[in-house]
Protein backbone atom coordinates (compact mmCIF):
# COMPACT_ATOMS: atom_id res chain seq x y z
CA UNK A 1 -12.24 5.53 10.87
CA UNK A 2 -10.99 2.17 12.03
CA UNK A 3 -7.35 1.40 12.72
CA UNK A 4 -5.52 -0.09 9.75
CA UNK A 5 -4.13 -3.09 11.68
CA UNK A 6 -6.53 -5.88 12.74
CA UNK A 7 -4.62 -6.45 15.97
CA UNK A 8 -5.47 -2.90 17.08
CA UNK A 9 -9.16 -3.70 16.73
CA UNK A 10 -8.90 -6.19 19.55
CA UNK A 11 -8.31 -3.36 22.07
CA UNK A 12 -11.08 -2.88 24.63
CA UNK A 13 -12.03 0.49 23.13
CA UNK A 14 -13.18 -1.14 19.86
CA UNK A 15 -14.90 -4.11 21.42
CA UNK A 16 -16.77 -2.18 24.14
CA UNK A 17 -20.43 -3.26 23.99
CA UNK A 18 -21.56 0.18 25.21
CA UNK A 19 -21.12 1.51 21.70
CA UNK A 20 -22.73 -0.99 19.41
CA UNK A 21 -21.76 0.86 16.25
CA UNK A 22 -18.08 0.89 17.06
CA UNK A 23 -18.09 -2.81 18.13
CA UNK A 24 -20.07 -3.83 15.05
CA UNK A 25 -17.62 -2.06 12.74
CA UNK A 26 -14.69 -3.73 14.45
CA UNK A 27 -16.31 -7.17 14.27
CA UNK A 28 -17.08 -6.74 10.56
CA UNK A 29 -13.48 -5.83 9.82
CA UNK A 30 -12.15 -8.67 11.90
CA UNK A 31 -14.38 -11.39 10.43
CA UNK A 32 -14.55 -10.50 6.71
CA UNK A 33 -11.89 -11.33 4.15
CA UNK A 34 -9.63 -8.36 3.47
CA UNK A 35 -9.14 -7.09 -0.04
CA UNK A 36 -5.61 -6.03 -0.85
CA UNK A 37 -4.67 -3.29 -3.35
CA UNK A 38 -3.37 -4.36 -6.72
CA UNK A 39 0.19 -3.35 -5.92
CA UNK A 40 0.38 -5.89 -3.04
CA UNK A 41 -0.84 -8.74 -5.23
CA UNK A 42 1.69 -7.85 -7.95
CA UNK A 43 4.60 -7.23 -5.56
CA UNK A 44 6.59 -10.21 -6.91
CA UNK A 45 6.23 -8.89 -10.47
CA UNK A 46 7.42 -5.44 -9.30
CA UNK A 47 10.46 -6.93 -7.59
CA UNK A 48 11.33 -9.06 -10.60
CA UNK A 49 11.20 -5.98 -12.81
CA UNK A 50 13.29 -3.79 -10.56
CA UNK A 51 11.13 -1.77 -8.14
CA UNK A 52 10.65 1.20 -10.43
CA UNK A 53 9.28 3.72 -7.89
CA UNK A 54 11.86 3.17 -5.14
CA UNK A 55 14.57 3.58 -7.75
CA UNK A 56 13.03 6.83 -8.90
CA UNK A 57 13.02 8.23 -5.37
CA UNK A 58 16.60 7.01 -4.86
CA UNK A 59 17.74 8.85 -8.01
CA UNK A 60 16.20 12.12 -6.78
CA UNK A 61 18.07 11.81 -3.49
CA UNK A 62 21.42 10.51 -4.70
CA UNK A 63 21.73 11.87 -8.21
CA UNK A 64 19.96 15.13 -7.64
CA UNK A 65 17.62 14.87 -10.61
CA UNK A 66 14.28 16.61 -10.35
CA UNK A 67 11.27 14.66 -9.13
CA UNK A 68 9.58 15.38 -12.46
CA UNK A 69 12.45 13.82 -14.41
CA UNK A 70 12.50 10.80 -12.09
CA UNK A 71 8.75 10.28 -12.63
CA UNK A 72 9.12 10.62 -16.38
CA UNK A 73 11.93 8.06 -16.38
CA UNK A 74 9.91 5.72 -14.15
CA UNK A 75 6.87 5.93 -16.41
CA UNK A 76 9.04 5.20 -19.41
CA UNK A 77 10.46 2.17 -17.59
CA UNK A 78 6.96 0.96 -16.69
CA UNK A 79 5.88 1.24 -20.34
CA UNK A 80 8.93 -0.73 -21.33
CA UNK A 81 8.14 -3.45 -18.79
CA UNK A 82 4.57 -3.71 -19.92
CA UNK A 83 5.57 -4.01 -23.56
CA UNK A 84 7.92 -6.97 -22.84
């Protein structure tokens, strides 16, 4: 497992030539383009449409509804957004 942040890969542990496998893995991660999950690419769309999941969590905490109900409501909202 490599650290999730590229800056951490620049630590001496990862770039130590004594372990060629570790250094090779670090170099590959540092030099190749990084793919981002779909949710990061569509973050602007999510913000424009109201951050469905954070609102669902907020409702569980502040309104006391069940997590199941919050998820059902969030899924209904997502279906509504996708149908627009």
